[in-house]
PDB file of N, CA and C in Angstrom:
ATOM      1  N   MET A   1      80.652  98.700  93.518  1.00  0.00           N
ATOM      2  CA  MET A   1      79.572  99.278  92.742  1.00  0.00           C
ATOM      3  C   MET A   1      78.219  99.028  93.399  1.00  0.00           C
ATOM      4  N   GLY A   2      78.216  98.577  94.636  1.00  0.00           N
ATOM      5  CA  GLY A   2      76.970  98.386  95.343  1.00  0.00           C
ATOM      6  C   GLY A   2      76.219  97.129  94.964  1.00  0.00           C
ATOM      7  N   LYS A   3      76.869  96.225  94.292  1.00  0.00           N
ATOM      8  CA  LYS A   3      76.202  95.000  93.854  1.00  0.00           C
ATOM      9  C   LYS A   3      76.472  93.891  94.861  1.00  0.00           C
ATOM     10  N   ARG A   4      75.482  93.624  95.694  1.00  0.00           N
ATOM     11  CA  ARG A   4      75.640  92.677  96.789  1.00  0.00           C
ATOM     12  C   ARG A   4      75.957  91.271  96.305  1.00  0.00           C
ATOM     13  N   GLU A   5      75.317  90.846  95.236  1.00  0.00           N
ATOM     14  CA  GLU A   5      75.566  89.490  94.718  1.00  0.00           C
ATOM     15  C   GLU A   5      77.009  89.365  94.235  1.00  0.00           C
ATOM     16  N   ASP A   6      77.475  90.344  93.475  1.00  0.00           N
ATOM     17  CA  ASP A   6      78.857  90.324  92.991  1.00  0.00           C
ATOM     18  C   ASP A   6      79.844  90.392  94.160  1.00  0.00           C
ATOM     19  N   ALA A   7      79.546  91.235  95.143  1.00  0.00           N
ATOM     20  CA  ALA A   7      80.446  91.395  96.293  1.00  0.00           C
ATOM     21  C   ALA A   7      80.607  90.075  97.040  1.00  0.00           C
ATOM     22  N   LEU A   8      79.518  89.358  97.245  1.00  0.00           N
ATOM     23  CA  LEU A   8      79.591  88.078  97.955  1.00  0.00           C
ATOM     24  C   LEU A   8      80.337  87.038  97.122  1.00  0.00           C
ATOM     25  N   LYS A   9      80.083  86.988  95.838  1.00  0.00           N
ATOM     26  CA  LYS A   9      80.804  86.049  94.962  1.00  0.00           C
ATOM     27  C   LYS A   9      82.304  86.325  94.988  1.00  0.00           C
ATOM     28  N   GLN A  10      82.668  87.600  94.940  1.00  0.00           N
ATOM     29  CA  GLN A  10      84.083  87.971  94.978  1.00  0.00           C
ATOM     30  C   GLN A  10      84.723  87.545  96.298  1.00  0.00           C
ATOM     31  N   LEU A  11      84.017  87.766  97.395  1.00  0.00           N
ATOM     32  CA  LEU A  11      84.534  87.373  98.705  1.00  0.00           C
ATOM     33  C   LEU A  11      84.743  85.867  98.773  1.00  0.00           C
ATOM     34  N   VAL A  12      83.758  85.094  98.362  1.00  0.00           N
ATOM     35  CA  VAL A  12      83.866  83.636  98.407  1.00  0.00           C
ATOM     36  C   VAL A  12      84.996  83.152  97.506  1.00  0.00           C
ATOM     37  N   THR A  13      85.136  83.734  96.338  1.00  0.00           N
ATOM     38  CA  THR A  13      86.223  83.359  95.427  1.00  0.00           C
ATOM     39  C   THR A  13      87.580  83.597  96.073  1.00  0.00           C
ATOM     40  N   ILE A  14      87.731  84.728  96.731  1.00  0.00           N
ATOM     41  CA  ILE A  14      89.012  85.068  97.361  1.00  0.00           C
ATOM     42  C   ILE A  14      89.320  84.132  98.525  1.00  0.00           C
ATOM     43  N   ILE A  15      88.362  83.903  99.418  1.00  0.00           N
ATOM     44  CA  ILE A  15      88.677  83.091 100.598  1.00  0.00           C
ATOM     45  C   ILE A  15      88.665  81.602 100.290  1.00  0.00           C
ATOM     46  N   ASP A  16      88.142  81.222  99.136  1.00  0.00           N
ATOM     47  CA  ASP A  16      88.164  79.812  98.727  1.00  0.00           C
ATOM     48  C   ASP A  16      89.498  79.459  98.072  1.00  0.00           C
ATOM     49  N   ASP A  17      90.361  80.438  97.883  1.00  0.00           N
ATOM     50  CA  ASP A  17      91.679  80.220  97.292  1.00  0.00           C
ATOM     51  C   ASP A  17      92.521  79.380  98.254  1.00  0.00           C
ATOM     52  N   VAL A  18      93.525  78.707  97.724  1.00  0.00           N
ATOM     53  CA  VAL A  18      94.397  77.861  98.544  1.00  0.00           C
ATOM     54  C   VAL A  18      95.064  78.676  99.641  1.00  0.00           C
ATOM     55  N   GLU A  19      95.562  79.843  99.314  1.00  0.00           N
ATOM     56  CA  GLU A  19      96.165  80.736 100.296  1.00  0.00           C
ATOM     57  C   GLU A  19      95.464  82.086 100.220  1.00  0.00           C
ATOM     58  N   PRO A  20      94.306  82.172 100.852  1.00  0.00           N
ATOM     59  CA  PRO A  20      93.546  83.427 100.735  1.00  0.00           C
ATOM     60  C   PRO A  20      94.244  84.579 101.447  1.00  0.00           C
ATOM     61  N   PRO A  21      94.160  85.755 100.843  1.00  0.00           N
ATOM     62  CA  PRO A  21      94.707  86.938 101.501  1.00  0.00           C
ATOM     63  C   PRO A  21      93.721  87.424 102.557  1.00  0.00           C
ATOM     64  N   ILE A  22      94.114  88.422 103.313  1.00  0.00           N
ATOM     65  CA  ILE A  22      93.166  89.094 104.196  1.00  0.00           C
ATOM     66  C   ILE A  22      92.203  89.851 103.293  1.00  0.00           C
ATOM     67  N   PHE A  23      90.937  89.734 103.560  1.00  0.00           N
ATOM     68  CA  PHE A  23      89.924  90.427 102.755  1.00  0.00           C
ATOM     69  C   PHE A  23      89.447  91.644 103.510  1.00  0.00           C
ATOM     70  N   ILE A  24      89.616  92.805 102.913  1.00  0.00           N
ATOM     71  CA  ILE A  24      89.129  94.041 103.515  1.00  0.00           C
ATOM     72  C   ILE A  24      88.104  94.635 102.557  1.00  0.00           C
ATOM     73  N   ALA A  25      86.861  94.641 102.984  1.00  0.00           N
ATOM     74  CA  ALA A  25      85.800  95.200 102.147  1.00  0.00           C
ATOM     75  C   ALA A  25      85.729  96.700 102.373  1.00  0.00           C
ATOM     76  N   VAL A  26      85.600  97.447 101.295  1.00  0.00           N
ATOM     77  CA  VAL A  26      85.502  98.898 101.423  1.00  0.00           C
ATOM     78  C   VAL A  26      84.065  99.347 101.669  1.00  0.00           C
ATOM     79  N   ALA A  27      83.174  98.423 101.663  1.00  0.00           N
ATOM     80  CA  ALA A  27      81.776  98.671 102.014  1.00  0.00           C
ATOM     81  C   ALA A  27      81.196  97.334 102.464  1.00  0.00           C
ATOM     82  N   GLY A  28      80.040  97.369 103.077  1.00  0.00           N
ATOM     83  CA  GLY A  28      79.460  96.151 103.630  1.00  0.00           C
ATOM     84  C   GLY A  28      78.631  95.341 102.663  1.00  0.00           C
ATOM     85  N   PHE A  29      78.785  95.566 101.360  1.00  0.00           N
ATOM     86  CA  PHE A  29      77.871  94.959 100.400  1.00  0.00           C
ATOM     87  C   PHE A  29      77.823  93.440 100.469  1.00  0.00           C
ATOM     88  N   ALA A  30      78.950  92.771 100.637  1.00  0.00           N
ATOM     89  CA  ALA A  30      78.912  91.306 100.744  1.00  0.00           C
ATOM     90  C   ALA A  30      78.090  90.891 101.954  1.00  0.00           C
ATOM     91  N   GLN A  31      78.257  91.592 103.065  1.00  0.00           N
ATOM     92  CA  GLN A  31      77.519  91.244 104.283  1.00  0.00           C
ATOM     93  C   GLN A  31      76.053  91.670 104.211  1.00  0.00           C
ATOM     94  N   PHE A  32      75.720  92.599 103.360  1.00  0.00           N
ATOM     95  CA  PHE A  32      74.319  92.995 103.199  1.00  0.00           C
ATOM     96  C   PHE A  32      73.549  92.003 102.327  1.00  0.00           C
ATOM     97  N   ASN A  33      74.267  91.131 101.652  1.00  0.00           N
ATOM     98  CA  ASN A  33      73.619  90.099 100.846  1.00  0.00           C
ATOM     99  C   ASN A  33      72.939  89.112 101.792  1.00  0.00           C
ATOM    100  N   PRO A  34      71.657  88.812 101.593  1.00  0.00           N
ATOM    101  CA  PRO A  34      70.948  87.901 102.499  1.00  0.00           C
ATOM    102  C   PRO A  34      71.549  86.489 102.552  1.00  0.00           C
ATOM    103  N   GLN A  35      72.353  86.137 101.564  1.00  0.00           N
ATOM    104  CA  GLN A  35      72.968  84.803 101.526  1.00  0.00           C
ATOM    105  C   GLN A  35      74.345  84.751 102.187  1.00  0.00           C
ATOM    106  N   TYR A  36      74.802  85.870 102.728  1.00  0.00           N
ATOM    107  CA  TYR A  36      76.149  85.934 103.303  1.00  0.00           C
ATOM    108  C   TYR A  36      76.388  84.816 104.321  1.00  0.00           C
ATOM    109  N   SER A  37      75.533  84.709 105.311  1.00  0.00           N
ATOM    110  CA  SER A  37      75.736  83.704 106.367  1.00  0.00           C
ATOM    111  C   SER A  37      75.797  82.302 105.799  1.00  0.00           C
ATOM    112  N   ASN A  38      74.898  81.981 104.872  1.00  0.00           N
ATOM    113  CA  ASN A  38      74.899  80.644 104.260  1.00  0.00           C
ATOM    114  C   ASN A  38      76.183  80.373 103.503  1.00  0.00           C
ATOM    115  N   GLU A  39      76.654  81.360 102.761  1.00  0.00           N
ATOM    116  CA  GLU A  39      77.861  81.179 101.943  1.00  0.00           C
ATOM    117  C   GLU A  39      79.132  81.121 102.791  1.00  0.00           C
ATOM    118  N   ILE A  40      79.195  81.898 103.843  1.00  0.00           N
ATOM    119  CA  ILE A  40      80.417  81.990 104.640  1.00  0.00           C
ATOM    120  C   ILE A  40      80.475  80.929 105.740  1.00  0.00           C
ATOM    121  N   GLN A  41      79.356  80.335 106.058  1.00  0.00           N
ATOM    122  CA  GLN A  41      79.302  79.304 107.108  1.00  0.00           C
ATOM    123  C   GLN A  41      80.366  78.225 106.906  1.00  0.00           C
ATOM    124  N   ARG A  42      80.628  77.838 105.668  1.00  0.00           N
ATOM    125  CA  ARG A  42      81.620  76.775 105.405  1.00  0.00           C
ATOM    126  C   ARG A  42      83.053  77.201 105.728  1.00  0.00           C
ATOM    127  N   PHE A  43      83.261  78.500 105.936  1.00  0.00           N
ATOM    128  CA  PHE A  43      84.591  79.001 106.282  1.00  0.00           C
ATOM    129  C   PHE A  43      84.714  79.340 107.769  1.00  0.00           C
ATOM    130  N   LYS A  44      83.700  79.014 108.548  1.00  0.00           N
ATOM    131  CA  LYS A  44      83.675  79.412 109.960  1.00  0.00           C
ATOM    132  C   LYS A  44      84.872  78.864 110.734  1.00  0.00           C
ATOM    133  N   ASN A  45      85.259  77.622 110.500  1.00  0.00           N
ATOM    134  CA  ASN A  45      86.424  77.064 111.208  1.00  0.00           C
ATOM    135  C   ASN A  45      87.696  77.823 110.859  1.00  0.00           C
ATOM    136  N   LYS A  46      87.847  78.176 109.594  1.00  0.00           N
ATOM    137  CA  LYS A  46      89.034  78.941 109.198  1.00  0.00           C
ATOM    138  C   LYS A  46      89.048  80.319 109.856  1.00  0.00           C
ATOM    139  N   LEU A  47      87.874  80.931 109.978  1.00  0.00           N
ATOM    140  CA  LEU A  47      87.778  82.215 110.664  1.00  0.00           C
ATOM    141  C   LEU A  47      88.110  82.048 112.148  1.00  0.00           C
ATOM    142  N   SER A  48      87.564  81.009 112.762  1.00  0.00           N
ATOM    143  CA  SER A  48      87.807  80.758 114.194  1.00  0.00           C
ATOM    144  C   SER A  48      89.274  80.468 114.487  1.00  0.00           C
ATOM    145  N   ASN A  49      89.941  79.803 113.557  1.00  0.00           N
ATOM    146  CA  ASN A  49      91.343  79.441 113.744  1.00  0.00           C
ATOM    147  C   ASN A  49      92.302  80.504 113.203  1.00  0.00           C
ATOM    148  N   ASP A  50      91.764  81.649 112.832  1.00  0.00           N
ATOM    149  CA  ASP A  50      92.560  82.750 112.284  1.00  0.00           C
ATOM    150  C   ASP A  50      93.334  82.365 111.023  1.00  0.00           C
ATOM    151  N   GLU A  51      92.789  81.423 110.264  1.00  0.00           N
ATOM    152  CA  GLU A  51      93.393  81.069 108.981  1.00  0.00           C
ATOM    153  C   GLU A  51      92.986  82.061 107.902  1.00  0.00           C
ATOM    154  N   ILE A  52      91.822  82.672 108.079  1.00  0.00           N
ATOM    155  CA  ILE A  52      91.383  83.743 107.197  1.00  0.00           C
ATOM    156  C   ILE A  52      90.867  84.892 108.058  1.00  0.00           C
ATOM    157  N   THR A  53      90.910  86.069 107.499  1.00  0.00           N
ATOM    158  CA  THR A  53      90.453  87.268 108.192  1.00  0.00           C
ATOM    159  C   THR A  53      89.531  88.029 107.260  1.00  0.00           C
ATOM    160  N   ILE A  54      88.357  88.381 107.756  1.00  0.00           N
ATOM    161  CA  ILE A  54      87.427  89.209 106.983  1.00  0.00           C
ATOM    162  C   ILE A  54      87.183  90.488 107.772  1.00  0.00           C
ATOM    163  N   ILE A  55      87.579  91.604 107.173  1.00  0.00           N
ATOM    164  CA  ILE A  55      87.352  92.918 107.765  1.00  0.00           C
ATOM    165  C   ILE A  55      86.390  93.646 106.843  1.00  0.00           C
ATOM    166  N   SER A  56      85.302  94.137 107.402  1.00  0.00           N
ATOM    167  CA  SER A  56      84.294  94.792 106.571  1.00  0.00           C
ATOM    168  C   SER A  56      83.928  96.164 107.122  1.00  0.00           C
ATOM    169  N   ALA A  57      83.618  97.052 106.211  1.00  0.00           N
ATOM    170  CA  ALA A  57      83.130  98.373 106.586  1.00  0.00           C
ATOM    171  C   ALA A  57      81.678  98.269 107.027  1.00  0.00           C
ATOM    172  N   ASP A  58      81.287  99.166 107.879  1.00  0.00           N
ATOM    173  CA  ASP A  58      79.934  99.322 108.387  1.00  0.00           C
ATOM    174  C   ASP A  58      79.678  98.432 109.600  1.00  0.00           C
ATOM    175  N   THR A  59      78.822  98.945 110.468  1.00  0.00           N
ATOM    176  CA  THR A  59      78.498  98.238 111.717  1.00  0.00           C
ATOM    177  C   THR A  59      76.989  98.255 111.947  1.00  0.00           C
ATOM    178  N   GLU A  60      76.261  97.887 110.911  1.00  0.00           N
ATOM    179  CA  GLU A  60      74.815  97.807 111.051  1.00  0.00           C
ATOM    180  C   GLU A  60      74.450  96.560 111.852  1.00  0.00           C
ATOM    181  N   MET A  61      73.269  96.559 112.421  1.00  0.00           N
ATOM    182  CA  MET A  61      72.861  95.460 113.301  1.00  0.00           C
ATOM    183  C   MET A  61      72.973  94.097 112.618  1.00  0.00           C
ATOM    184  N   SER A  62      72.595  94.004 111.358  1.00  0.00           N
ATOM    185  CA  SER A  62      72.693  92.719 110.656  1.00  0.00           C
ATOM    186  C   SER A  62      74.150  92.261 110.569  1.00  0.00           C
ATOM    187  N   GLN A  63      75.070  93.194 110.416  1.00  0.00           N
ATOM    188  CA  GLN A  63      76.487  92.846 110.357  1.00  0.00           C
ATOM    189  C   GLN A  63      77.021  92.433 111.729  1.00  0.00           C
ATOM    190  N   LEU A  64      76.532  93.077 112.762  1.00  0.00           N
ATOM    191  CA  LEU A  64      76.978  92.705 114.107  1.00  0.00           C
ATOM    192  C   LEU A  64      76.476  91.311 114.473  1.00  0.00           C
ATOM    193  N   GLU A  65      75.312  90.938 113.984  1.00  0.00           N
ATOM    194  CA  GLU A  65      74.819  89.565 114.200  1.00  0.00           C
ATOM    195  C   GLU A  65      75.727  88.568 113.492  1.00  0.00           C
ATOM    196  N   ILE A  66      76.153  88.891 112.289  1.00  0.00           N
ATOM    197  CA  ILE A  66      77.100  88.050 111.542  1.00  0.00           C
ATOM    198  C   ILE A  66      78.407  87.930 112.316  1.00  0.00           C
ATOM    199  N   LEU A  67      78.860  89.035 112.859  1.00  0.00           N
ATOM    200  CA  LEU A  67      80.096  89.054 113.645  1.00  0.00           C
ATOM    201  C   LEU A  67      79.975  88.152 114.867  1.00  0.00           C
ATOM    202  N   LYS A  68      78.849  88.246 115.579  1.00  0.00           N
ATOM    203  CA  LYS A  68      78.631  87.411 116.769  1.00  0.00           C
ATOM    204  C   LYS A  68      78.591  85.931 116.411  1.00  0.00           C
ATOM    205  N   LEU A  69      78.149  85.616 115.196  1.00  0.00           N
ATOM    206  CA  LEU A  69      78.120  84.218 114.751  1.00  0.00           C
ATOM    207  C   LEU A  69      79.501  83.707 114.357  1.00  0.00           C
ATOM    208  N   GLY A  70      80.496  84.580 114.357  1.00  0.00           N
ATOM    209  CA  GLY A  70      81.852  84.182 113.980  1.00  0.00           C
ATOM    210  C   GLY A  70      82.049  84.116 112.483  1.00  0.00           C
ATOM    211  N   LEU A  71      81.238  84.857 111.716  1.00  0.00           N
ATOM    212  CA  LEU A  71      81.324  84.826 110.263  1.00  0.00           C
ATOM    213  C   LEU A  71      81.967  86.089 109.690  1.00  0.00           C
ATOM    214  N   SER A  72      82.648  86.816 110.543  1.00  0.00           N
ATOM    215  CA  SER A  72      83.430  87.988 110.181  1.00  0.00           C
ATOM    216  C   SER A  72      84.459  88.148 111.295  1.00  0.00           C
ATOM    217  N   THR A  73      85.520  88.875 111.036  1.00  0.00           N
ATOM    218  CA  THR A  73      86.563  89.069 112.040  1.00  0.00           C
ATOM    219  C   THR A  73      86.427  90.431 112.719  1.00  0.00           C
ATOM    220  N   ILE A  74      86.324  91.466 111.915  1.00  0.00           N
ATOM    221  CA  ILE A  74      86.227  92.837 112.424  1.00  0.00           C
ATOM    222  C   ILE A  74      85.306  93.632 111.494  1.00  0.00           C
ATOM    223  N   ASN A  75      84.524  94.502 112.086  1.00  0.00           N
ATOM    224  CA  ASN A  75      83.741  95.470 111.322  1.00  0.00           C
ATOM    225  C   ASN A  75      84.073  96.861 111.854  1.00  0.00           C
ATOM    226  N   ILE A  76      84.275  97.787 110.950  1.00  0.00           N
ATOM    227  CA  ILE A  76      84.601  99.157 111.311  1.00  0.00           C
ATOM    228  C   ILE A  76      83.541 100.054 110.674  1.00  0.00           C
ATOM    229  N   GLY A  77      82.899 100.873 111.494  1.00  0.00           N
ATOM    230  CA  GLY A  77      81.818 101.689 110.964  1.00  0.00           C
ATOM    231  C   GLY A  77      81.879 103.127 111.410  1.00  0.00           C
ATOM    232  N   GLN A  78      81.183 103.946 110.659  1.00  0.00           N
ATOM    233  CA  GLN A  78      81.082 105.356 111.002  1.00  0.00           C
ATOM    234  C   GLN A  78      80.318 105.513 112.308  1.00  0.00           C
ATOM    235  N   ASN A  79      80.496 106.667 112.917  1.00  0.00           N
ATOM    236  CA  ASN A  79      79.802 106.975 114.157  1.00  0.00           C
ATOM    237  C   ASN A  79      78.861 108.159 113.897  1.00  0.00           C
ATOM    238  N   PRO A  80      77.646 107.876 113.387  1.00  0.00           N
ATOM    239  CA  PRO A  80      76.749 108.974 113.028  1.00  0.00           C
ATOM    240  C   PRO A  80      76.349 109.842 114.219  1.00  0.00           C
ATOM    241  N   PHE A  81      76.275 109.288 115.410  1.00  0.00           N
ATOM    242  CA  PHE A  81      75.958 110.079 116.595  1.00  0.00           C
ATOM    243  C   PHE A  81      77.009 111.169 116.788  1.00  0.00           C
ATOM    244  N   GLU A  82      78.273 110.787 116.711  1.00  0.00           N
ATOM    245  CA  GLU A  82      79.364 111.753 116.897  1.00  0.00           C
ATOM    246  C   GLU A  82      79.392 112.765 115.758  1.00  0.00           C
ATOM    247  N   MET A  83      79.047 112.337 114.551  1.00  0.00           N
ATOM    248  CA  MET A  83      79.009 113.261 113.410  1.00  0.00           C
ATOM    249  C   MET A  83      77.968 114.355 113.667  1.00  0.00           C
ATOM    250  N   GLY A  84      76.797 113.958 114.129  1.00  0.00           N
ATOM    251  CA  GLY A  84      75.740 114.924 114.427  1.00  0.00           C
ATOM    252  C   GLY A  84      76.088 115.819 115.603  1.00  0.00           C
ATOM    253  N   ARG A  85      76.653 115.230 116.657  1.00  0.00           N
ATOM    254  CA  ARG A  85      77.029 115.994 117.841  1.00  0.00           C
ATOM    255  C   ARG A  85      78.073 117.049 117.492  1.00  0.00           C
ATOM    256  N   LYS A  86      79.089 116.621 116.746  1.00  0.00           N
ATOM    257  CA  LYS A  86      80.170 117.546 116.396  1.00  0.00           C
ATOM    258  C   LYS A  86      79.658 118.644 115.455  1.00  0.00           C
ATOM    259  N   GLY A  87      78.783 118.282 114.528  1.00  0.00           N
ATOM    260  CA  GLY A  87      78.216 119.279 113.622  1.00  0.00           C
ATOM    261  C   GLY A  87      77.423 120.334 114.379  1.00  0.00           C
ATOM    262  N   ALA A  88      76.608 119.896 115.352  1.00  0.00           N
ATOM    263  CA  ALA A  88      75.825 120.845 116.156  1.00  0.00           C
ATOM    264  C   ALA A  88      76.749 121.725 116.999  1.00  0.00           C
ATOM    265  N   GLU A  89      77.813 121.140 117.524  1.00  0.00           N
ATOM    266  CA  GLU A  89      78.768 121.913 118.332  1.00  0.00           C
ATOM    267  C   GLU A  89      79.435 123.003 117.502  1.00  0.00           C
ATOM    268  N   ILE A  90      79.859 122.664 116.312  1.00  0.00           N
ATOM    269  CA  ILE A  90      80.525 123.638 115.438  1.00  0.00           C
ATOM    270  C   ILE A  90      79.555 124.758 115.046  1.00  0.00           C
ATOM    271  N   LEU A  91      78.323 124.392 114.742  1.00  0.00           N
ATOM    272  CA  LEU A  91      77.319 125.374 114.375  1.00  0.00           C
ATOM    273  C   LEU A  91      77.024 126.321 115.544  1.00  0.00           C
ATOM    274  N   PHE A  92      76.903 125.778 116.740  1.00  0.00           N
ATOM    275  CA  PHE A  92      76.671 126.597 117.937  1.00  0.00           C
ATOM    276  C   PHE A  92      77.826 127.564 118.160  1.00  0.00           C
ATOM    277  N   GLU A  93      79.041 127.050 118.074  1.00  0.00           N
ATOM    278  CA  GLU A  93      80.215 127.905 118.292  1.00  0.00           C
ATOM    279  C   GLU A  93      80.262 129.047 117.278  1.00  0.00           C
ATOM    280  N   TYR A  94      79.856 128.776 116.064  1.00  0.00           N
ATOM    281  CA  TYR A  94      79.888 129.802 115.024  1.00  0.00           C
ATOM    282  C   TYR A  94      78.751 130.816 115.206  1.00  0.00           C
ATOM    283  N   LEU A  95      77.524 130.317 115.363  1.00  0.00           N
ATOM    284  CA  LEU A  95      76.361 131.202 115.411  1.00  0.00           C
ATOM    285  C   LEU A  95      76.194 131.927 116.747  1.00  0.00           C
ATOM    286  N   VAL A  96      76.450 131.240 117.846  1.00  0.00           N
ATOM    287  CA  VAL A  96      76.188 131.808 119.164  1.00  0.00           C
ATOM    288  C   VAL A  96      77.427 132.449 119.760  1.00  0.00           C
ATOM    289  N   GLU A  97      78.543 131.766 119.653  1.00  0.00           N
ATOM    290  CA  GLU A  97      79.757 132.273 120.294  1.00  0.00           C
ATOM    291  C   GLU A  97      80.623 133.110 119.358  1.00  0.00           C
ATOM    292  N   GLY A  98      80.271 133.161 118.080  1.00  0.00           N
ATOM    293  CA  GLY A  98      81.002 133.988 117.128  1.00  0.00           C
ATOM    294  C   GLY A  98      82.385 133.478 116.762  1.00  0.00           C
ATOM    295  N   LYS A  99      82.652 132.205 117.004  1.00  0.00           N
ATOM    296  CA  LYS A  99      83.968 131.661 116.631  1.00  0.00           C
ATOM    297  C   LYS A  99      84.045 131.502 115.120  1.00  0.00           C
ATOM    298  N   ARG A 100      85.262 131.605 114.618  1.00  0.00           N
ATOM    299  CA  ARG A 100      85.479 131.427 113.178  1.00  0.00           C
ATOM    300  C   ARG A 100      85.149 129.995 112.777  1.00  0.00           C
ATOM    301  N   PRO A 101      84.627 129.822 111.578  1.00  0.00           N
ATOM    302  CA  PRO A 101      84.324 128.459 111.131  1.00  0.00           C
ATOM    303  C   PRO A 101      85.605 127.628 110.990  1.00  0.00           C
ATOM    304  N   ILE A 102      85.473 126.358 111.226  1.00  0.00           N
ATOM    305  CA  ILE A 102      86.606 125.439 111.094  1.00  0.00           C
ATOM    306  C   ILE A 102      86.891 125.225 109.619  1.00  0.00           C
ATOM    307  N   THR A 103      88.142 125.384 109.250  1.00  0.00           N
ATOM    308  CA  THR A 103      88.514 125.165 107.852  1.00  0.00           C
ATOM    309  C   THR A 103      89.332 123.896 107.683  1.00  0.00           C
ATOM    310  N   ASP A 104      89.822 123.361 108.790  1.00  0.00           N
ATOM    311  CA  ASP A 104      90.577 122.106 108.724  1.00  0.00           C
ATOM    312  C   ASP A 104      89.619 120.927 108.674  1.00  0.00           C
ATOM    313  N   LYS A 105      90.127 119.806 108.213  1.00  0.00           N
ATOM    314  CA  LYS A 105      89.332 118.583 108.206  1.00  0.00           C
ATOM    315  C   LYS A 105      89.219 118.063 109.631  1.00  0.00           C
ATOM    316  N   LEU A 106      88.101 117.469 109.924  1.00  0.00           N
ATOM    317  CA  LEU A 106      87.890 116.850 111.232  1.00  0.00           C
ATOM    318  C   LEU A 106      87.873 115.338 111.074  1.00  0.00           C
ATOM    319  N   TYR A 107      88.527 114.663 111.962  1.00  0.00           N
ATOM    320  CA  TYR A 107      88.528 113.211 111.947  1.00  0.00           C
ATOM    321  C   TYR A 107      87.830 112.726 113.209  1.00  0.00           C
ATOM    322  N   LEU A 108      86.786 111.983 113.009  1.00  0.00           N
ATOM    323  CA  LEU A 108      86.001 111.491 114.130  1.00  0.00           C
ATOM    324  C   LEU A 108      86.281 110.012 114.355  1.00  0.00           C
ATOM    325  N   ASN A 109      86.013 109.574 115.563  1.00  0.00           N
ATOM    326  CA  ASN A 109      86.206 108.164 115.881  1.00  0.00           C
ATOM    327  C   ASN A 109      85.251 107.286 115.087  1.00  0.00           C
ATOM    328  N   PHE A 110      85.645 106.054 114.931  1.00  0.00           N
ATOM    329  CA  PHE A 110      84.825 105.040 114.282  1.00  0.00           C
ATOM    330  C   PHE A 110      84.389 104.037 115.331  1.00  0.00           C
ATOM    331  N   HIS A 111      83.456 103.196 114.956  1.00  0.00           N
ATOM    332  CA  HIS A 111      83.113 102.034 115.773  1.00  0.00           C
ATOM    333  C   HIS A 111      84.009 100.886 115.323  1.00  0.00           C
ATOM    334  N   TYR A 112      84.739 100.316 116.253  1.00  0.00           N
ATOM    335  CA  TYR A 112      85.593  99.163 115.971  1.00  0.00           C
ATOM    336  C   TYR A 112      84.973  97.956 116.663  1.00  0.00           C
ATOM    337  N   CYS A 113      84.480  97.021 115.875  1.00  0.00           N
ATOM    338  CA  CYS A 113      83.742  95.891 116.427  1.00  0.00           C
ATOM    339  C   CYS A 113      84.424  94.568 116.090  1.00  0.00           C
ATOM    340  N   ASP A 114      84.507  93.711 117.104  1.00  0.00           N
ATOM    341  CA  ASP A 114      84.949  92.332 116.900  1.00  0.00           C
ATOM    342  C   ASP A 114      84.012  91.440 117.710  1.00  0.00           C
ATOM    343  N   ARG A 115      84.289  90.155 117.738  1.00  0.00           N
ATOM    344  CA  ARG A 115      83.374  89.232 118.427  1.00  0.00           C
ATOM    345  C   ARG A 115      83.230  89.544 119.913  1.00  0.00           C
ATOM    346  N   SER A 116      84.278  90.058 120.525  1.00  0.00           N
ATOM    347  CA  SER A 116      84.241  90.288 121.975  1.00  0.00           C
ATOM    348  C   SER A 116      83.387  91.493 122.375  1.00  0.00           C
ATOM    349  N   ASN A 117      83.177  92.435 121.460  1.00  0.00           N
ATOM    350  CA  ASN A 117      82.441  93.640 121.834  1.00  0.00           C
ATOM    351  C   ASN A 117      81.250  93.928 120.914  1.00  0.00           C
ATOM    352  N   ALA A 118      80.822  92.948 120.152  1.00  0.00           N
ATOM    353  CA  ALA A 118      79.765  93.157 119.144  1.00  0.00           C
ATOM    354  C   ALA A 118      78.465  93.679 119.745  1.00  0.00           C
ATOM    355  N   ASP A 119      78.203  93.375 121.030  1.00  0.00           N
ATOM    356  CA  ASP A 119      76.972  93.844 121.668  1.00  0.00           C
ATOM    357  C   ASP A 119      77.063  95.298 122.124  1.00  0.00           C
ATOM    358  N   THR A 120      78.267  95.831 122.240  1.00  0.00           N
ATOM    359  CA  THR A 120      78.418  97.173 122.821  1.00  0.00           C
ATOM    360  C   THR A 120      79.227  98.153 121.981  1.00  0.00           C
ATOM    361  N   CYS A 121      79.816  97.717 120.885  1.00  0.00           N
ATOM    362  CA  CYS A 121      80.763  98.566 120.141  1.00  0.00           C
ATOM    363  C   CYS A 121      80.137  99.794 119.503  1.00  0.00           C
ATOM    364  N   THR A 122      78.837  99.813 119.314  1.00  0.00           N
ATOM    365  CA  THR A 122      78.213 100.979 118.681  1.00  0.00           C
ATOM    366  C   THR A 122      77.449 101.846 119.684  1.00  0.00           C
ATOM    367  N   ILE A 123      77.572 101.527 120.959  1.00  0.00           N
ATOM    368  CA  ILE A 123      76.913 102.334 121.981  1.00  0.00           C
ATOM    369  C   ILE A 123      77.726 103.605 122.179  1.00  0.00           C
ATOM    370  N   ASN A 124      77.035 104.730 122.122  1.00  0.00           N
ATOM    371  CA  ASN A 124      77.704 106.016 122.303  1.00  0.00           C
ATOM    372  C   ASN A 124      77.733 106.375 123.782  1.00  0.00           C
ATOM    373  N   HIS A 125      78.887 106.715 124.279  1.00  0.00           N
ATOM    374  CA  HIS A 125      79.059 107.042 125.700  1.00  0.00           C
ATOM    375  C   HIS A 125      79.178 108.526 125.884  1.00  0.00           C
TER     376      HIS A 125
END
């Protein structure tokens, strides 16, 4: 529901469990909470030792900094550059080249970020 405070509390409650499950956030709200790093810092050893896994949506710069600090495992985010590029390509093909509009769904690549590639995972090539 977009409530950063609730999202962070829920995350901490889950990973503070005796046998925490893998946590997959459907949005980055817990990580957008300014207290995320402070709250998750106590779980850093568990994250480093792969005892817990935190996978979060979105790859904003603040989240990539969290990832580099070892306070998240993986972040997966949309690729707005590719969305814009593909949209312009489809529009050009329709308006200039007279191709029929695409009626099928298009699936674009995402940014897949972990600690090893946090500095480069959102660079468009």
